[in-house]
Amino acid sequence: HIEFDKHYYSVPHHLIKEQVEVQVSSTFVSIYAYGNRVSYHPRSYAQGAHSTLTEHMPDSHRAI
């Protein structure tokens, strides 16, 4: 996850510790790595909460 405005948004797990760029509107958060959009979430104002997409998790962390 990356943190933006005290909320955590998931990115693909292979990007752990990589630098990303975040573009934000009042309704969406887009996350880019190497010039490509790698994640797109509805914007949340819930501080300390997480927005997680299952496909961003490694297989070992997904529910069966």
PDB file of N, CA and C in Angstrom:
ATOM      1  N   HIS A   1       0.842  -1.188   0.000  1.00  0.00           N
ATOM      2  CA  HIS A   1       0.000   0.000   0.000  1.00  0.00           C
ATOM      3  C   HIS A   1       0.883   1.247   0.000  1.00  0.00           C
ATOM      4  N   ILE A   2       0.337   2.295  -0.575  1.00  0.00           N
ATOM      5  CA  ILE A   2       0.968   3.608  -0.448  1.00  0.00           C
ATOM      6  C   ILE A   2       0.028   4.446   0.409  1.00  0.00           C
ATOM      7  N   GLU A   3       0.582   5.420   1.083  1.00  0.00           N
ATOM      8  CA  GLU A   3      -0.240   6.293   1.917  1.00  0.00           C
ATOM      9  C   GLU A   3      -0.434   7.617   1.201  1.00  0.00           C
ATOM     10  N   PHE A   4      -1.675   8.057   1.130  1.00  0.00           N
ATOM     11  CA  PHE A   4      -1.988   9.390   0.631  1.00  0.00           C
ATOM     12  C   PHE A   4      -3.067   9.974   1.520  1.00  0.00           C
ATOM     13  N   ASP A   5      -2.819  11.135   2.060  1.00  0.00           N
ATOM     14  CA  ASP A   5      -3.788  11.852   2.888  1.00  0.00           C
ATOM     15  C   ASP A   5      -4.327  10.956   4.017  1.00  0.00           C
ATOM     16  N   LYS A   6      -3.405  10.206   4.633  1.00  0.00           N
ATOM     17  CA  LYS A   6      -3.698   9.344   5.783  1.00  0.00           C
ATOM     18  C   LYS A   6      -4.615   8.157   5.454  1.00  0.00           C
ATOM     19  N   HIS A   7      -4.701   7.808   4.185  1.00  0.00           N
ATOM     20  CA  HIS A   7      -5.433   6.618   3.745  1.00  0.00           C
ATOM     21  C   HIS A   7      -4.452   5.757   2.952  1.00  0.00           C
ATOM     22  N   TYR A   8      -4.664   4.445   2.960  1.00  0.00           N
ATOM     23  CA  TYR A   8      -3.746   3.512   2.311  1.00  0.00           C
ATOM     24  C   TYR A   8      -4.409   2.871   1.096  1.00  0.00           C
ATOM     25  N   TYR A   9      -3.718   2.968  -0.048  1.00  0.00           N
ATOM     26  CA  TYR A   9      -4.224   2.434  -1.311  1.00  0.00           C
ATOM     27  C   TYR A   9      -3.284   1.337  -1.801  1.00  0.00           C
ATOM     28  N   SER A  10      -3.853   0.230  -2.254  1.00  0.00           N
ATOM     29  CA  SER A  10      -3.016  -0.878  -2.699  1.00  0.00           C
ATOM     30  C   SER A  10      -2.391  -0.604  -4.061  1.00  0.00           C
ATOM     31  N   VAL A  11      -1.230  -1.212  -4.239  1.00  0.00           N
ATOM     32  CA  VAL A  11      -0.542  -1.272  -5.527  1.00  0.00           C
ATOM     33  C   VAL A  11      -0.128  -2.730  -5.718  1.00  0.00           C
ATOM     34  N   PRO A  12       0.173  -3.147  -6.940  1.00  0.00           N
ATOM     35  CA  PRO A  12       0.614  -4.523  -7.136  1.00  0.00           C
ATOM     36  C   PRO A  12       1.814  -4.852  -6.238  1.00  0.00           C
ATOM     37  N   HIS A  13       1.797  -6.034  -5.663  1.00  0.00           N
ATOM     38  CA  HIS A  13       2.805  -6.386  -4.662  1.00  0.00           C
ATOM     39  C   HIS A  13       4.229  -6.363  -5.201  1.00  0.00           C
ATOM     40  N   HIS A  14       4.415  -6.527  -6.496  1.00  0.00           N
ATOM     41  CA  HIS A  14       5.783  -6.503  -7.036  1.00  0.00           C
ATOM     42  C   HIS A  14       6.396  -5.102  -7.006  1.00  0.00           C
ATOM     43  N   LEU A  15       5.600  -4.099  -6.659  1.00  0.00           N
ATOM     44  CA  LEU A  15       6.109  -2.727  -6.589  1.00  0.00           C
ATOM     45  C   LEU A  15       6.517  -2.310  -5.172  1.00  0.00           C
ATOM     46  N   ILE A  16       6.597  -3.269  -4.265  1.00  0.00           N
ATOM     47  CA  ILE A  16       7.032  -2.958  -2.901  1.00  0.00           C
ATOM     48  C   ILE A  16       8.372  -2.234  -2.956  1.00  0.00           C
ATOM     49  N   LYS A  17       8.443  -1.114  -2.261  1.00  0.00           N
ATOM     50  CA  LYS A  17       9.643  -0.271  -2.141  1.00  0.00           C
ATOM     51  C   LYS A  17      10.014   0.462  -3.424  1.00  0.00           C
ATOM     52  N   GLU A  18       9.178   0.396  -4.446  1.00  0.00           N
ATOM     53  CA  GLU A  18       9.417   1.156  -5.673  1.00  0.00           C
ATOM     54  C   GLU A  18       8.795   2.540  -5.538  1.00  0.00           C
ATOM     55  N   GLN A  19       9.341   3.497  -6.249  1.00  0.00           N
ATOM     56  CA  GLN A  19       8.796   4.843  -6.247  1.00  0.00           C
ATOM     57  C   GLN A  19       7.631   4.900  -7.228  1.00  0.00           C
ATOM     58  N   VAL A  20       6.543   5.515  -6.806  1.00  0.00           N
ATOM     59  CA  VAL A  20       5.369   5.670  -7.658  1.00  0.00           C
ATOM     60  C   VAL A  20       4.948   7.131  -7.683  1.00  0.00           C
ATOM     61  N   GLU A  21       4.141   7.466  -8.665  1.00  0.00           N
ATOM     62  CA  GLU A  21       3.570   8.806  -8.788  1.00  0.00           C
ATOM     63  C   GLU A  21       2.075   8.693  -8.530  1.00  0.00           C
ATOM     64  N   VAL A  22       1.533   9.645  -7.793  1.00  0.00           N
ATOM     65  CA  VAL A  22       0.114   9.617  -7.444  1.00  0.00           C
ATOM     66  C   VAL A  22      -0.573  10.836  -8.046  1.00  0.00           C
ATOM     67  N   GLN A  23      -1.669  10.594  -8.749  1.00  0.00           N
ATOM     68  CA  GLN A  23      -2.516  11.675  -9.253  1.00  0.00           C
ATOM     69  C   GLN A  23      -3.864  11.538  -8.565  1.00  0.00           C
ATOM     70  N   VAL A  24      -4.346  12.654  -8.037  1.00  0.00           N
ATOM     71  CA  VAL A  24      -5.544  12.620  -7.203  1.00  0.00           C
ATOM     72  C   VAL A  24      -6.559  13.637  -7.689  1.00  0.00           C
ATOM     73  N   SER A  25      -7.816  13.216  -7.698  1.00  0.00           N
ATOM     74  CA  SER A  25      -8.926  14.146  -7.911  1.00  0.00           C
ATOM     75  C   SER A  25      -9.819  14.051  -6.683  1.00  0.00           C
ATOM     76  N   SER A  26     -10.910  14.730  -6.696  1.00  0.00           N
ATOM     77  CA  SER A  26     -11.824  14.656  -5.550  1.00  0.00           C
ATOM     78  C   SER A  26     -12.524  13.305  -5.469  1.00  0.00           C
ATOM     79  N   THR A  27     -12.468  12.516  -6.550  1.00  0.00           N
ATOM     80  CA  THR A  27     -13.192  11.243  -6.570  1.00  0.00           C
ATOM     81  C   THR A  27     -12.330  10.006  -6.814  1.00  0.00           C
ATOM     82  N   PHE A  28     -11.127  10.154  -7.371  1.00  0.00           N
ATOM     83  CA  PHE A  28     -10.289   8.997  -7.697  1.00  0.00           C
ATOM     84  C   PHE A  28      -8.828   9.236  -7.357  1.00  0.00           C
ATOM     85  N   VAL A  29      -8.119   8.132  -7.121  1.00  0.00           N
ATOM     86  CA  VAL A  29      -6.669   8.135  -6.920  1.00  0.00           C
ATOM     87  C   VAL A  29      -6.075   7.202  -7.972  1.00  0.00           C
ATOM     88  N   SER A  30      -5.181   7.729  -8.788  1.00  0.00           N
ATOM     89  CA  SER A  30      -4.478   6.933  -9.793  1.00  0.00           C
ATOM     90  C   SER A  30      -3.015   6.852  -9.389  1.00  0.00           C
ATOM     91  N   ILE A  31      -2.444   5.662  -9.491  1.00  0.00           N
ATOM     92  CA  ILE A  31      -1.061   5.446  -9.094  1.00  0.00           C
ATOM     93  C   ILE A  31      -0.299   4.921 -10.305  1.00  0.00           C
ATOM     94  N   TYR A  32       0.859   5.530 -10.571  1.00  0.00           N
ATOM     95  CA  TYR A  32       1.662   5.212 -11.744  1.00  0.00           C
ATOM     96  C   TYR A  32       3.055   4.740 -11.334  1.00  0.00           C
ATOM     97  N   ALA A  33       3.578   3.791 -12.078  1.00  0.00           N
ATOM     98  CA  ALA A  33       4.960   3.343 -11.929  1.00  0.00           C
ATOM     99  C   ALA A  33       5.550   3.204 -13.321  1.00  0.00           C
ATOM    100  N   TYR A  34       6.728   3.737 -13.514  1.00  0.00           N
ATOM    101  CA  TYR A  34       7.413   3.648 -14.805  1.00  0.00           C
ATOM    102  C   TYR A  34       6.552   4.182 -15.944  1.00  0.00           C
ATOM    103  N   GLY A  35       5.756   5.216 -15.660  1.00  0.00           N
ATOM    104  CA  GLY A  35       4.929   5.845 -16.680  1.00  0.00           C
ATOM    105  C   GLY A  35       3.623   5.140 -16.989  1.00  0.00           C
ATOM    106  N   ASN A  36       3.340   4.037 -16.307  1.00  0.00           N
ATOM    107  CA  ASN A  36       2.109   3.281 -16.544  1.00  0.00           C
ATOM    108  C   ASN A  36       1.213   3.311 -15.318  1.00  0.00           C
ATOM    109  N   ARG A  37      -0.093   3.439 -15.552  1.00  0.00           N
ATOM    110  CA  ARG A  37      -1.013   3.379 -14.417  1.00  0.00           C
ATOM    111  C   ARG A  37      -1.074   1.944 -13.916  1.00  0.00           C
ATOM    112  N   VAL A  38      -0.791   1.777 -12.627  1.00  0.00           N
ATOM    113  CA  VAL A  38      -0.757   0.439 -12.034  1.00  0.00           C
ATOM    114  C   VAL A  38      -1.869   0.227 -11.022  1.00  0.00           C
ATOM    115  N   SER A  39      -2.557   1.304 -10.665  1.00  0.00           N
ATOM    116  CA  SER A  39      -3.635   1.173  -9.687  1.00  0.00           C
ATOM    117  C   SER A  39      -4.587   2.350  -9.820  1.00  0.00           C
ATOM    118  N   TYR A  40      -5.854   2.080  -9.549  1.00  0.00           N
ATOM    119  CA  TYR A  40      -6.909   3.088  -9.679  1.00  0.00           C
ATOM    120  C   TYR A  40      -7.949   2.779  -8.615  1.00  0.00           C
ATOM    121  N   HIS A  41      -8.185   3.726  -7.728  1.00  0.00           N
ATOM    122  CA  HIS A  41      -9.116   3.523  -6.617  1.00  0.00           C
ATOM    123  C   HIS A  41     -10.075   4.704  -6.497  1.00  0.00           C
ATOM    124  N   PRO A  42     -11.302   4.457  -6.067  1.00  0.00           N
ATOM    125  CA  PRO A  42     -12.149   5.572  -5.644  1.00  0.00           C
ATOM    126  C   PRO A  42     -11.454   6.255  -4.468  1.00  0.00           C
ATOM    127  N   ARG A  43     -11.480   7.557  -4.427  1.00  0.00           N
ATOM    128  CA  ARG A  43     -10.832   8.274  -3.329  1.00  0.00           C
ATOM    129  C   ARG A  43     -11.609   8.055  -2.041  1.00  0.00           C
ATOM    130  N   SER A  44     -10.881   7.833  -0.982  1.00  0.00           N
ATOM    131  CA  SER A  44     -11.488   7.672   0.338  1.00  0.00           C
ATOM    132  C   SER A  44     -10.915   8.725   1.267  1.00  0.00           C
ATOM    133  N   TYR A  45     -11.757   9.262   2.114  1.00  0.00           N
ATOM    134  CA  TYR A  45     -11.320  10.239   3.109  1.00  0.00           C
ATOM    135  C   TYR A  45     -11.256   9.614   4.500  1.00  0.00           C
ATOM    136  N   ALA A  46     -11.378   8.291   4.579  1.00  0.00           N
ATOM    137  CA  ALA A  46     -11.330   7.574   5.856  1.00  0.00           C
ATOM    138  C   ALA A  46      -9.872   7.449   6.298  1.00  0.00           C
ATOM    139  N   GLN A  47      -9.488   8.216   7.290  1.00  0.00           N
ATOM    140  CA  GLN A  47      -8.105   8.203   7.755  1.00  0.00           C
ATOM    141  C   GLN A  47      -7.761   6.882   8.433  1.00  0.00           C
ATOM    142  N   GLY A  48      -6.607   6.344   8.077  1.00  0.00           N
ATOM    143  CA  GLY A  48      -6.131   5.100   8.664  1.00  0.00           C
ATOM    144  C   GLY A  48      -6.719   3.846   8.048  1.00  0.00           C
ATOM    145  N   ALA A  49      -7.655   3.993   7.132  1.00  0.00           N
ATOM    146  CA  ALA A  49      -8.296   2.836   6.495  1.00  0.00           C
ATOM    147  C   ALA A  49      -7.497   2.407   5.259  1.00  0.00           C
ATOM    148  N   HIS A  50      -7.844   1.246   4.720  1.00  0.00           N
ATOM    149  CA  HIS A  50      -7.161   0.674   3.567  1.00  0.00           C
ATOM    150  C   HIS A  50      -8.148   0.414   2.428  1.00  0.00           C
ATOM    151  N   SER A  51      -7.718   0.731   1.220  1.00  0.00           N
ATOM    152  CA  SER A  51      -8.435   0.339   0.004  1.00  0.00           C
ATOM    153  C   SER A  51      -7.544  -0.675  -0.698  1.00  0.00           C
ATOM    154  N   THR A  52      -8.015  -1.916  -0.783  1.00  0.00           N
ATOM    155  CA  THR A  52      -7.179  -2.996  -1.299  1.00  0.00           C
ATOM    156  C   THR A  52      -7.891  -3.737  -2.419  1.00  0.00           C
ATOM    157  N   LEU A  53      -7.185  -3.921  -3.518  1.00  0.00           N
ATOM    158  CA  LEU A  53      -7.676  -4.742  -4.616  1.00  0.00           C
ATOM    159  C   LEU A  53      -7.033  -6.119  -4.496  1.00  0.00           C
ATOM    160  N   THR A  54      -7.844  -7.162  -4.557  1.00  0.00           N
ATOM    161  CA  THR A  54      -7.352  -8.530  -4.394  1.00  0.00           C
ATOM    162  C   THR A  54      -6.236  -8.853  -5.379  1.00  0.00           C
ATOM    163  N   GLU A  55      -6.349  -8.372  -6.604  1.00  0.00           N
ATOM    164  CA  GLU A  55      -5.330  -8.693  -7.610  1.00  0.00           C
ATOM    165  C   GLU A  55      -3.962  -8.100  -7.287  1.00  0.00           C
ATOM    166  N   HIS A  56      -3.898  -7.172  -6.342  1.00  0.00           N
ATOM    167  CA  HIS A  56      -2.613  -6.610  -5.936  1.00  0.00           C
ATOM    168  C   HIS A  56      -1.887  -7.482  -4.918  1.00  0.00           C
ATOM    169  N   MET A  57      -2.578  -8.441  -4.339  1.00  0.00           N
ATOM    170  CA  MET A  57      -1.984  -9.302  -3.312  1.00  0.00           C
ATOM    171  C   MET A  57      -1.204 -10.450  -3.952  1.00  0.00           C
ATOM    172  N   PRO A  58      -0.129 -10.890  -3.293  1.00  0.00           N
ATOM    173  CA  PRO A  58       0.513 -12.123  -3.764  1.00  0.00           C
ATOM    174  C   PRO A  58      -0.452 -13.291  -3.571  1.00  0.00           C
ATOM    175  N   ASP A  59      -0.302 -14.321  -4.359  1.00  0.00           N
ATOM    176  CA  ASP A  59      -1.201 -15.477  -4.270  1.00  0.00           C
ATOM    177  C   ASP A  59      -1.312 -16.021  -2.852  1.00  0.00           C
ATOM    178  N   SER A  60      -0.223 -15.985  -2.112  1.00  0.00           N
ATOM    179  CA  SER A  60      -0.221 -16.550  -0.758  1.00  0.00           C
ATOM    180  C   SER A  60      -1.090 -15.772   0.225  1.00  0.00           C
ATOM    181  N   HIS A  61      -1.495 -14.546  -0.130  1.00  0.00           N
ATOM    182  CA  HIS A  61      -2.325 -13.730   0.761  1.00  0.00           C
ATOM    183  C   HIS A  61      -3.790 -13.680   0.353  1.00  0.00           C
ATOM    184  N   ARG A  62      -4.111 -14.287  -0.772  1.00  0.00           N
ATOM    185  CA  ARG A  62      -5.496 -14.270  -1.248  1.00  0.00           C
ATOM    186  C   ARG A  62      -6.291 -15.378  -0.585  1.00  0.00           C
ATOM    187  N   ALA A  63      -7.551 -15.080  -0.294  1.00  0.00           N
ATOM    188  CA  ALA A  63      -8.438 -16.111   0.273  1.00  0.00           C
ATOM    189  C   ALA A  63      -8.729 -17.154  -0.797  1.00  0.00           C
ATOM    190  N   ILE A  64      -8.839 -18.358  -0.373  1.00  0.00           N
ATOM    191  CA  ILE A  64      -9.113 -19.453  -1.323  1.00  0.00           C
ATOM    192  C   ILE A  64     -10.608 -19.613  -1.498  1.00  0.00           C
TER     193      ILE A  64
END
